[in-house]
Amino acid sequence: MEYAKDEVFQIRYTTKLNRFKLEKEKWTSRLGKKIRKNRLLTTTILAFFMFATVHIMLIFSFMKILQEV
């Protein structure tokens, strides 16, 4: 039973308050849950940054070609 309280549910017993206390989630685990929950939004944002990066690279490549002419 102690294993279930400490490891699986991550519940700690505080002697000051004389009760069980749930540990706070870290921000990285909350972010991971939101990413998994909103896959369409995450995919859209990822595609936007990818295309923006490719667009900037193409602009610089074009400017380099114009300088050589």
N, C-alpha and C. Protein backbone atom coordinates (compact mmCIF):
# COMPACT_ATOMS: atom_id res chain seq x y z
N MET A 1 0.83 -1.19 0.00
CA MET A 1 0.00 0.00 0.00
C MET A 1 0.87 1.25 0.00
N GLU A 2 1.98 1.22 0.69
CA GLU A 2 2.88 2.38 0.72
C GLU A 2 3.42 2.66 -0.67
N TYR A 3 3.71 1.61 -1.43
CA TYR A 3 4.20 1.81 -2.79
C TYR A 3 3.17 2.56 -3.63
N ALA A 4 1.91 2.17 -3.50
CA ALA A 4 0.85 2.81 -4.28
C ALA A 4 0.72 4.29 -3.91
N LYS A 5 0.81 4.61 -2.64
CA LYS A 5 0.67 6.01 -2.23
C LYS A 5 1.86 6.84 -2.67
N ASP A 6 3.06 6.32 -2.55
CA ASP A 6 4.26 7.11 -2.81
C ASP A 6 4.61 7.17 -4.29
N GLU A 7 4.52 6.08 -5.01
CA GLU A 7 5.03 6.04 -6.37
C GLU A 7 3.94 6.27 -7.42
N VAL A 8 2.86 5.58 -7.33
CA VAL A 8 1.85 5.65 -8.37
C VAL A 8 1.08 6.96 -8.29
N PHE A 9 0.57 7.30 -7.13
CA PHE A 9 -0.24 8.51 -6.99
C PHE A 9 0.57 9.72 -6.54
N GLN A 10 1.79 9.51 -6.12
CA GLN A 10 2.69 10.56 -5.65
C GLN A 10 2.04 11.38 -4.53
N ILE A 11 1.56 10.69 -3.55
CA ILE A 11 0.95 11.33 -2.39
C ILE A 11 1.95 11.26 -1.24
N ARG A 12 2.14 12.34 -0.56
CA ARG A 12 3.04 12.40 0.59
C ARG A 12 2.23 12.72 1.85
N TYR A 13 2.70 12.22 2.95
CA TYR A 13 2.04 12.49 4.22
C TYR A 13 2.82 13.58 4.93
N THR A 14 2.15 14.68 5.24
CA THR A 14 2.82 15.77 5.93
C THR A 14 2.46 15.69 7.42
N THR A 15 3.49 15.75 8.23
CA THR A 15 3.23 15.67 9.67
C THR A 15 2.77 17.01 10.24
N LYS A 16 3.15 18.11 9.58
CA LYS A 16 2.71 19.42 10.06
C LYS A 16 1.20 19.57 9.95
N LEU A 17 0.66 19.21 8.79
CA LEU A 17 -0.77 19.38 8.56
C LEU A 17 -1.56 18.16 9.00
N ASN A 18 -0.88 17.05 9.26
CA ASN A 18 -1.49 15.81 9.70
C ASN A 18 -2.51 15.29 8.67
N ARG A 19 -2.13 15.36 7.41
CA ARG A 19 -2.99 14.86 6.34
C ARG A 19 -2.15 14.55 5.11
N PHE A 20 -2.79 13.93 4.13
CA PHE A 20 -2.12 13.62 2.87
C PHE A 20 -2.07 14.87 2.00
N LYS A 21 -1.02 14.97 1.23
CA LYS A 21 -0.85 16.15 0.37
C LYS A 21 -0.39 15.68 -1.00
N LEU A 22 -1.07 16.17 -2.05
CA LEU A 22 -0.68 15.84 -3.42
C LEU A 22 0.45 16.76 -3.84
N GLU A 23 1.44 16.21 -4.54
CA GLU A 23 2.54 17.02 -5.03
C GLU A 23 2.09 17.79 -6.26
N LYS A 24 2.65 18.99 -6.45
CA LYS A 24 2.31 19.80 -7.61
C LYS A 24 3.00 19.23 -8.84
N GLU A 25 2.31 19.37 -9.97
CA GLU A 25 2.89 18.92 -11.23
C GLU A 25 3.94 19.91 -11.68
N LYS A 26 4.97 19.41 -12.33
CA LYS A 26 5.98 20.28 -12.89
C LYS A 26 5.43 20.90 -14.16
N TRP A 27 6.00 22.04 -14.55
CA TRP A 27 5.49 22.74 -15.74
C TRP A 27 5.74 21.96 -17.01
N THR A 28 6.79 21.14 -17.02
CA THR A 28 7.08 20.37 -18.22
C THR A 28 6.04 19.27 -18.43
N SER A 29 5.58 18.66 -17.36
CA SER A 29 4.57 17.62 -17.52
C SER A 29 3.22 18.22 -17.90
N ARG A 30 2.92 19.42 -17.39
CA ARG A 30 1.67 20.09 -17.79
C ARG A 30 1.73 20.47 -19.27
N LEU A 31 2.89 20.95 -19.73
CA LEU A 31 3.06 21.30 -21.14
C LEU A 31 2.91 20.06 -22.02
N GLY A 32 3.51 18.96 -21.59
CA GLY A 32 3.39 17.71 -22.35
C GLY A 32 1.95 17.24 -22.48
N LYS A 33 1.18 17.38 -21.41
CA LYS A 33 -0.23 16.99 -21.46
C LYS A 33 -1.01 17.87 -22.42
N LYS A 34 -0.73 19.17 -22.41
CA LYS A 34 -1.44 20.08 -23.32
C LYS A 34 -1.08 19.80 -24.77
N ILE A 35 0.18 19.46 -25.03
CA ILE A 35 0.60 19.15 -26.39
C ILE A 35 -0.09 17.88 -26.87
N ARG A 36 -0.15 16.87 -26.02
CA ARG A 36 -0.81 15.62 -26.41
C ARG A 36 -2.32 15.82 -26.60
N LYS A 37 -2.91 16.70 -25.81
CA LYS A 37 -4.35 16.93 -25.88
C LYS A 37 -4.73 17.73 -27.13
N ASN A 38 -3.93 18.73 -27.49
CA ASN A 38 -4.24 19.61 -28.62
C ASN A 38 -3.29 19.34 -29.78
N ARG A 39 -3.44 18.20 -30.40
CA ARG A 39 -2.52 17.82 -31.46
C ARG A 39 -2.68 18.67 -32.71
N LEU A 40 -3.88 19.09 -33.05
CA LEU A 40 -4.10 19.91 -34.23
C LEU A 40 -3.42 21.26 -34.07
N LEU A 41 -3.58 21.88 -32.92
CA LEU A 41 -2.95 23.16 -32.66
C LEU A 41 -1.43 23.04 -32.68
N THR A 42 -0.91 22.00 -32.08
CA THR A 42 0.53 21.78 -32.04
C THR A 42 1.08 21.55 -33.45
N THR A 43 0.38 20.76 -34.25
CA THR A 43 0.82 20.51 -35.62
C THR A 43 0.79 21.79 -36.45
N THR A 44 -0.24 22.61 -36.24
CA THR A 44 -0.35 23.87 -36.97
C THR A 44 0.79 24.81 -36.61
N ILE A 45 1.10 24.94 -35.35
CA ILE A 45 2.19 25.82 -34.91
C ILE A 45 3.53 25.31 -35.42
N LEU A 46 3.75 24.02 -35.34
CA LEU A 46 5.00 23.43 -35.83
C LEU A 46 5.16 23.65 -37.34
N ALA A 47 4.09 23.46 -38.10
CA ALA A 47 4.15 23.67 -39.55
C ALA A 47 4.41 25.15 -39.86
N PHE A 48 3.80 26.05 -39.10
CA PHE A 48 4.02 27.48 -39.32
C PHE A 48 5.49 27.83 -39.14
N PHE A 49 6.11 27.38 -38.05
CA PHE A 49 7.52 27.69 -37.81
C PHE A 49 8.43 27.04 -38.84
N MET A 50 8.07 25.84 -39.28
CA MET A 50 8.87 25.17 -40.29
C MET A 50 8.82 25.94 -41.61
N PHE A 51 7.62 26.33 -42.05
CA PHE A 51 7.49 27.06 -43.31
C PHE A 51 8.09 28.46 -43.21
N ALA A 52 8.00 29.09 -42.06
CA ALA A 52 8.61 30.41 -41.89
C ALA A 52 10.13 30.31 -42.00
N THR A 53 10.71 29.26 -41.44
CA THR A 53 12.15 29.06 -41.52
C THR A 53 12.59 28.81 -42.97
N VAL A 54 11.84 27.99 -43.68
CA VAL A 54 12.16 27.71 -45.09
C VAL A 54 12.01 29.00 -45.90
N HIS A 55 11.00 29.78 -45.63
CA HIS A 55 10.78 31.04 -46.34
C HIS A 55 11.96 32.00 -46.14
N ILE A 56 12.44 32.13 -44.93
CA ILE A 56 13.59 33.00 -44.64
C ILE A 56 14.84 32.50 -45.35
N MET A 57 15.04 31.19 -45.33
CA MET A 57 16.20 30.62 -46.02
C MET A 57 16.14 30.90 -47.52
N LEU A 58 14.97 30.78 -48.13
CA LEU A 58 14.82 31.05 -49.56
C LEU A 58 15.06 32.52 -49.88
N ILE A 59 14.61 33.42 -49.00
CA ILE A 59 14.85 34.85 -49.23
C ILE A 59 16.34 35.15 -49.20
N PHE A 60 17.05 34.62 -48.21
CA PHE A 60 18.49 34.86 -48.14
C PHE A 60 19.22 34.25 -49.33
N SER A 61 18.77 33.09 -49.77
CA SER A 61 19.38 32.46 -50.93
C SER A 61 19.16 33.32 -52.18
N PHE A 62 17.96 33.86 -52.34
CA PHE A 62 17.66 34.71 -53.47
C PHE A 62 18.49 35.99 -53.43
N MET A 63 18.64 36.58 -52.26
CA MET A 63 19.45 37.79 -52.12
C MET A 63 20.92 37.50 -52.46
N LYS A 64 21.40 36.34 -52.09
CA LYS A 64 22.79 35.96 -52.41
C LYS A 64 22.97 35.81 -53.92
N ILE A 65 21.99 35.22 -54.59
CA ILE A 65 22.05 35.07 -56.04
C ILE A 65 22.03 36.45 -56.72
N LEU A 66 21.21 37.37 -56.21
CA LEU A 66 21.15 38.71 -56.79
C LEU A 66 22.46 39.47 -56.60
N GLN A 67 23.14 39.24 -55.50
CA GLN A 67 24.41 39.94 -55.26
C GLN A 67 25.50 39.46 -56.21
N GLU A 68 25.42 38.21 -56.61
CA GLU A 68 26.44 37.66 -57.50
C GLU A 68 26.26 38.11 -58.95
N VAL A 69 25.07 38.51 -59.31
CA VAL A 69 24.79 38.91 -60.71
C VAL A 69 25.29 40.29 -60.97
